[in-house]
Amino acid sequence: MVLQARQTYYQRLKEAQATYPNSSGYENHHLIPMYLGGPKNGQTYRLPIAYHKAITQAFRQEWRYGQRRPNPQELTDILVQVYAKYPIPQLIGITP
């Protein structure tokens, strides 16, 4: 399962870099996005900017900005959906 997640990460990173070619560098990503109820001081992970933009878009597709906050089950479902598509590299043994 970890090997598959690593392959997914590298594929999604490549796609994100193609989609956002002028996005170099890194930024911090909140594991639970603040607009979904995650705390401002919650767990963050350093991600390539292009990959972070792709994850942000995936979250927006699952739960648009401006809606009410999801209930705990909805939040869990959103997190599972997004991170299945866009694994957090540090959680699968990759340092970005």
N, C-alpha and C. Protein backbone atom coordinates (compact mmCIF):
# COMPACT_ATOMS: atom_id res chain seq x y z
N MET A 1 0.82 -1.19 0.00
CA MET A 1 0.00 0.00 0.00
C MET A 1 0.87 1.27 0.00
N VAL A 2 1.95 1.26 0.79
CA VAL A 2 2.84 2.43 0.83
C VAL A 2 3.51 2.63 -0.53
N LEU A 3 3.93 1.54 -1.16
CA LEU A 3 4.56 1.65 -2.48
C LEU A 3 3.61 2.28 -3.48
N GLN A 4 2.36 1.86 -3.45
CA GLN A 4 1.36 2.42 -4.36
C GLN A 4 1.14 3.91 -4.06
N ALA A 5 1.10 4.28 -2.79
CA ALA A 5 0.93 5.68 -2.42
C ALA A 5 2.12 6.51 -2.89
N ARG A 6 3.31 5.95 -2.81
CA ARG A 6 4.50 6.67 -3.29
C ARG A 6 4.42 6.88 -4.80
N GLN A 7 4.01 5.87 -5.53
CA GLN A 7 3.85 5.99 -6.98
C GLN A 7 2.81 7.06 -7.31
N THR A 8 1.71 7.05 -6.55
CA THR A 8 0.66 8.05 -6.74
C THR A 8 1.21 9.44 -6.48
N TYR A 9 1.98 9.59 -5.40
CA TYR A 9 2.56 10.90 -5.09
C TYR A 9 3.42 11.41 -6.24
N TYR A 10 4.33 10.59 -6.71
CA TYR A 10 5.23 11.05 -7.78
C TYR A 10 4.46 11.37 -9.06
N GLN A 11 3.44 10.60 -9.36
CA GLN A 11 2.63 10.88 -10.55
C GLN A 11 1.87 12.19 -10.38
N ARG A 12 1.23 12.38 -9.23
CA ARG A 12 0.47 13.62 -8.97
C ARG A 12 1.40 14.83 -8.91
N LEU A 13 2.60 14.66 -8.37
CA LEU A 13 3.56 15.76 -8.32
C LEU A 13 3.93 16.17 -9.74
N LYS A 14 4.20 15.20 -10.59
CA LYS A 14 4.54 15.49 -11.98
C LYS A 14 3.39 16.23 -12.68
N GLU A 15 2.16 15.76 -12.46
CA GLU A 15 0.99 16.42 -13.05
C GLU A 15 0.85 17.85 -12.52
N ALA A 16 1.04 18.03 -11.22
CA ALA A 16 0.90 19.36 -10.62
C ALA A 16 1.96 20.31 -11.17
N GLN A 17 3.18 19.82 -11.33
CA GLN A 17 4.25 20.67 -11.86
C GLN A 17 3.97 21.06 -13.31
N ALA A 18 3.32 20.18 -14.06
CA ALA A 18 2.93 20.52 -15.44
C ALA A 18 1.79 21.53 -15.44
N THR A 19 0.87 21.39 -14.50
CA THR A 19 -0.28 22.30 -14.43
C THR A 19 0.11 23.67 -13.90
N TYR A 20 1.04 23.70 -12.97
CA TYR A 20 1.48 24.95 -12.33
C TYR A 20 2.99 25.11 -12.53
N PRO A 21 3.44 25.35 -13.76
CA PRO A 21 4.88 25.35 -14.05
C PRO A 21 5.66 26.48 -13.37
N ASN A 22 5.00 27.55 -12.98
CA ASN A 22 5.71 28.67 -12.36
C ASN A 22 5.64 28.63 -10.84
N SER A 23 5.31 27.48 -10.30
CA SER A 23 5.16 27.34 -8.85
C SER A 23 6.32 26.54 -8.28
N SER A 24 7.42 27.23 -8.06
CA SER A 24 8.57 26.55 -7.46
C SER A 24 8.63 26.89 -5.98
N GLY A 25 9.35 26.10 -5.26
CA GLY A 25 9.49 26.32 -3.83
C GLY A 25 8.53 25.45 -3.04
N TYR A 26 8.37 25.79 -1.77
CA TYR A 26 7.58 24.99 -0.85
C TYR A 26 6.70 25.88 0.00
N GLU A 27 5.62 25.31 0.49
CA GLU A 27 4.78 25.99 1.47
C GLU A 27 4.13 24.96 2.37
N ASN A 28 3.62 25.42 3.49
CA ASN A 28 3.04 24.51 4.47
C ASN A 28 1.57 24.26 4.16
N HIS A 29 1.18 23.01 4.31
CA HIS A 29 -0.20 22.58 4.08
C HIS A 29 -0.78 22.07 5.39
N HIS A 30 -1.93 22.60 5.77
CA HIS A 30 -2.62 22.10 6.96
C HIS A 30 -3.25 20.75 6.65
N LEU A 31 -2.96 19.76 7.45
CA LEU A 31 -3.52 18.43 7.25
C LEU A 31 -5.04 18.49 7.20
N ILE A 32 -5.64 19.24 8.12
CA ILE A 32 -7.07 19.53 8.07
C ILE A 32 -7.19 21.01 7.72
N PRO A 33 -7.61 21.31 6.49
CA PRO A 33 -7.68 22.72 6.07
C PRO A 33 -8.53 23.55 7.04
N MET A 34 -8.08 24.77 7.26
CA MET A 34 -8.77 25.63 8.21
C MET A 34 -10.21 25.90 7.79
N TYR A 35 -10.48 26.03 6.50
CA TYR A 35 -11.85 26.31 6.08
C TYR A 35 -12.78 25.13 6.34
N LEU A 36 -12.21 23.95 6.59
CA LEU A 36 -13.01 22.78 6.95
C LEU A 36 -13.07 22.57 8.46
N GLY A 37 -12.52 23.52 9.21
CA GLY A 37 -12.57 23.44 10.66
C GLY A 37 -11.27 23.08 11.33
N GLY A 38 -10.21 22.91 10.54
CA GLY A 38 -8.91 22.62 11.13
C GLY A 38 -8.38 23.81 11.90
N PRO A 39 -7.67 23.57 12.99
CA PRO A 39 -7.14 24.69 13.78
C PRO A 39 -5.99 25.40 13.07
N LYS A 40 -5.90 26.70 13.30
CA LYS A 40 -4.83 27.50 12.69
C LYS A 40 -3.45 26.95 13.07
N ASN A 41 -3.33 26.44 14.28
CA ASN A 41 -2.05 25.90 14.74
C ASN A 41 -2.00 24.38 14.59
N GLY A 42 -2.84 23.83 13.71
CA GLY A 42 -2.88 22.38 13.50
C GLY A 42 -1.66 21.87 12.74
N GLN A 43 -1.57 20.57 12.63
CA GLN A 43 -0.45 19.89 11.95
C GLN A 43 -0.32 20.37 10.51
N THR A 44 0.90 20.73 10.13
CA THR A 44 1.18 21.12 8.75
C THR A 44 2.31 20.27 8.19
N TYR A 45 2.35 20.21 6.87
CA TYR A 45 3.41 19.49 6.16
C TYR A 45 3.94 20.39 5.06
N ARG A 46 5.26 20.38 4.91
CA ARG A 46 5.94 21.18 3.88
C ARG A 46 5.79 20.44 2.55
N LEU A 47 5.16 21.12 1.58
CA LEU A 47 4.91 20.52 0.27
C LEU A 47 5.42 21.41 -0.85
N PRO A 48 5.77 20.81 -1.99
CA PRO A 48 6.05 21.64 -3.16
C PRO A 48 4.82 22.48 -3.48
N ILE A 49 5.03 23.74 -3.85
CA ILE A 49 3.91 24.65 -4.07
C ILE A 49 2.94 24.10 -5.12
N ALA A 50 3.42 23.57 -6.21
CA ALA A 50 2.53 23.05 -7.25
C ALA A 50 1.65 21.93 -6.69
N TYR A 51 2.23 21.05 -5.90
CA TYR A 51 1.48 19.94 -5.30
C TYR A 51 0.46 20.49 -4.31
N HIS A 52 0.84 21.50 -3.55
CA HIS A 52 -0.08 22.12 -2.60
C HIS A 52 -1.27 22.74 -3.33
N LYS A 53 -1.01 23.38 -4.46
CA LYS A 53 -2.11 23.96 -5.24
C LYS A 53 -3.05 22.86 -5.73
N ALA A 54 -2.49 21.74 -6.15
CA ALA A 54 -3.32 20.63 -6.63
C ALA A 54 -4.17 20.06 -5.49
N ILE A 55 -3.59 19.91 -4.31
CA ILE A 55 -4.36 19.42 -3.16
C ILE A 55 -5.47 20.40 -2.82
N THR A 56 -5.16 21.68 -2.84
CA THR A 56 -6.17 22.70 -2.54
C THR A 56 -7.33 22.59 -3.51
N GLN A 57 -7.04 22.42 -4.79
CA GLN A 57 -8.11 22.26 -5.78
C GLN A 57 -8.93 21.00 -5.52
N ALA A 58 -8.27 19.93 -5.11
CA ALA A 58 -8.99 18.68 -4.81
C ALA A 58 -9.94 18.89 -3.62
N PHE A 59 -9.47 19.62 -2.61
CA PHE A 59 -10.36 19.91 -1.48
C PHE A 59 -11.54 20.76 -1.93
N ARG A 60 -11.30 21.74 -2.77
CA ARG A 60 -12.39 22.60 -3.25
C ARG A 60 -13.41 21.81 -4.06
N GLN A 61 -12.95 20.79 -4.77
CA GLN A 61 -13.89 19.95 -5.52
C GLN A 61 -14.75 19.12 -4.57
N GLU A 62 -14.18 18.68 -3.48
CA GLU A 62 -14.92 17.87 -2.52
C GLU A 62 -15.86 18.72 -1.65
N TRP A 63 -15.41 19.93 -1.30
CA TRP A 63 -16.20 20.79 -0.40
C TRP A 63 -15.84 22.24 -0.72
N ARG A 64 -16.75 22.91 -1.42
CA ARG A 64 -16.49 24.29 -1.85
C ARG A 64 -16.32 25.25 -0.67
N TYR A 65 -15.52 26.29 -0.90
CA TYR A 65 -15.41 27.37 0.08
C TYR A 65 -16.77 28.02 0.25
N GLY A 66 -17.02 28.55 1.43
CA GLY A 66 -18.24 29.29 1.66
C GLY A 66 -19.40 28.45 2.16
N GLN A 67 -19.26 27.15 2.16
CA GLN A 67 -20.30 26.29 2.70
C GLN A 67 -20.16 26.22 4.22
N ARG A 68 -21.16 25.62 4.84
CA ARG A 68 -21.03 25.35 6.27
C ARG A 68 -19.85 24.40 6.47
N ARG A 69 -19.38 24.32 7.68
CA ARG A 69 -18.30 23.35 7.97
C ARG A 69 -18.89 21.94 7.96
N PRO A 70 -18.12 21.00 7.47
CA PRO A 70 -18.63 19.62 7.44
C PRO A 70 -18.74 19.03 8.84
N ASN A 71 -19.67 18.10 8.99
CA ASN A 71 -19.74 17.39 10.27
C ASN A 71 -18.59 16.39 10.32
N PRO A 72 -18.34 15.77 11.47
CA PRO A 72 -17.17 14.88 11.58
C PRO A 72 -17.12 13.77 10.54
N GLN A 73 -18.24 13.15 10.21
CA GLN A 73 -18.23 12.09 9.21
C GLN A 73 -17.94 12.65 7.82
N GLU A 74 -18.54 13.78 7.49
CA GLU A 74 -18.27 14.41 6.20
C GLU A 74 -16.80 14.79 6.10
N LEU A 75 -16.24 15.33 7.17
CA LEU A 75 -14.83 15.72 7.18
C LEU A 75 -13.95 14.50 6.94
N THR A 76 -14.24 13.42 7.65
CA THR A 76 -13.46 12.19 7.45
C THR A 76 -13.53 11.73 6.00
N ASP A 77 -14.71 11.74 5.43
CA ASP A 77 -14.89 11.32 4.03
C ASP A 77 -14.08 12.21 3.08
N ILE A 78 -14.12 13.52 3.31
CA ILE A 78 -13.37 14.46 2.47
C ILE A 78 -11.87 14.18 2.56
N LEU A 79 -11.37 14.03 3.78
CA LEU A 79 -9.94 13.78 3.98
C LEU A 79 -9.51 12.48 3.30
N VAL A 80 -10.30 11.44 3.45
CA VAL A 80 -9.97 10.15 2.83
C VAL A 80 -9.95 10.29 1.30
N GLN A 81 -10.95 10.96 0.74
CA GLN A 81 -11.02 11.13 -0.72
C GLN A 81 -9.81 11.89 -1.24
N VAL A 82 -9.50 13.02 -0.63
CA VAL A 82 -8.41 13.86 -1.13
C VAL A 82 -7.05 13.19 -0.94
N TYR A 83 -6.81 12.64 0.24
CA TYR A 83 -5.49 12.08 0.49
C TYR A 83 -5.28 10.72 -0.19
N ALA A 84 -6.34 10.08 -0.63
CA ALA A 84 -6.18 8.90 -1.48
C ALA A 84 -5.65 9.31 -2.85
N LYS A 85 -6.07 10.48 -3.31
CA LYS A 85 -5.62 11.00 -4.61
C LYS A 85 -4.28 11.72 -4.49
N TYR A 86 -4.07 12.40 -3.36
CA TYR A 86 -2.88 13.23 -3.14
C TYR A 86 -2.26 12.89 -1.79
N PRO A 87 -1.48 11.82 -1.73
CA PRO A 87 -0.86 11.44 -0.44
C PRO A 87 0.10 12.52 0.06
N ILE A 88 0.15 12.65 1.38
CA ILE A 88 1.13 13.54 2.01
C ILE A 88 2.47 12.80 2.00
N PRO A 89 3.49 13.34 1.33
CA PRO A 89 4.73 12.59 1.15
C PRO A 89 5.39 12.17 2.46
N GLN A 90 5.40 13.02 3.47
CA GLN A 90 6.07 12.68 4.73
C GLN A 90 5.41 11.48 5.40
N LEU A 91 4.13 11.27 5.16
CA LEU A 91 3.40 10.17 5.79
C LEU A 91 3.65 8.83 5.09
N ILE A 92 4.31 8.90 3.94
CA ILE A 92 4.64 7.66 3.21
C ILE A 92 6.14 7.53 3.00
N GLY A 93 6.90 8.22 3.84
CA GLY A 93 8.34 8.05 3.85
C GLY A 93 9.12 8.82 2.80
N ILE A 94 8.54 9.90 2.29
CA ILE A 94 9.21 10.72 1.28
C ILE A 94 9.43 12.12 1.85
N THR A 95 10.63 12.63 1.69
CA THR A 95 10.92 14.02 2.06
C THR A 95 10.89 14.84 0.78
N PRO A 96 9.90 15.73 0.66
CA PRO A 96 9.80 16.52 -0.60
C PRO A 96 10.93 17.53 -0.75
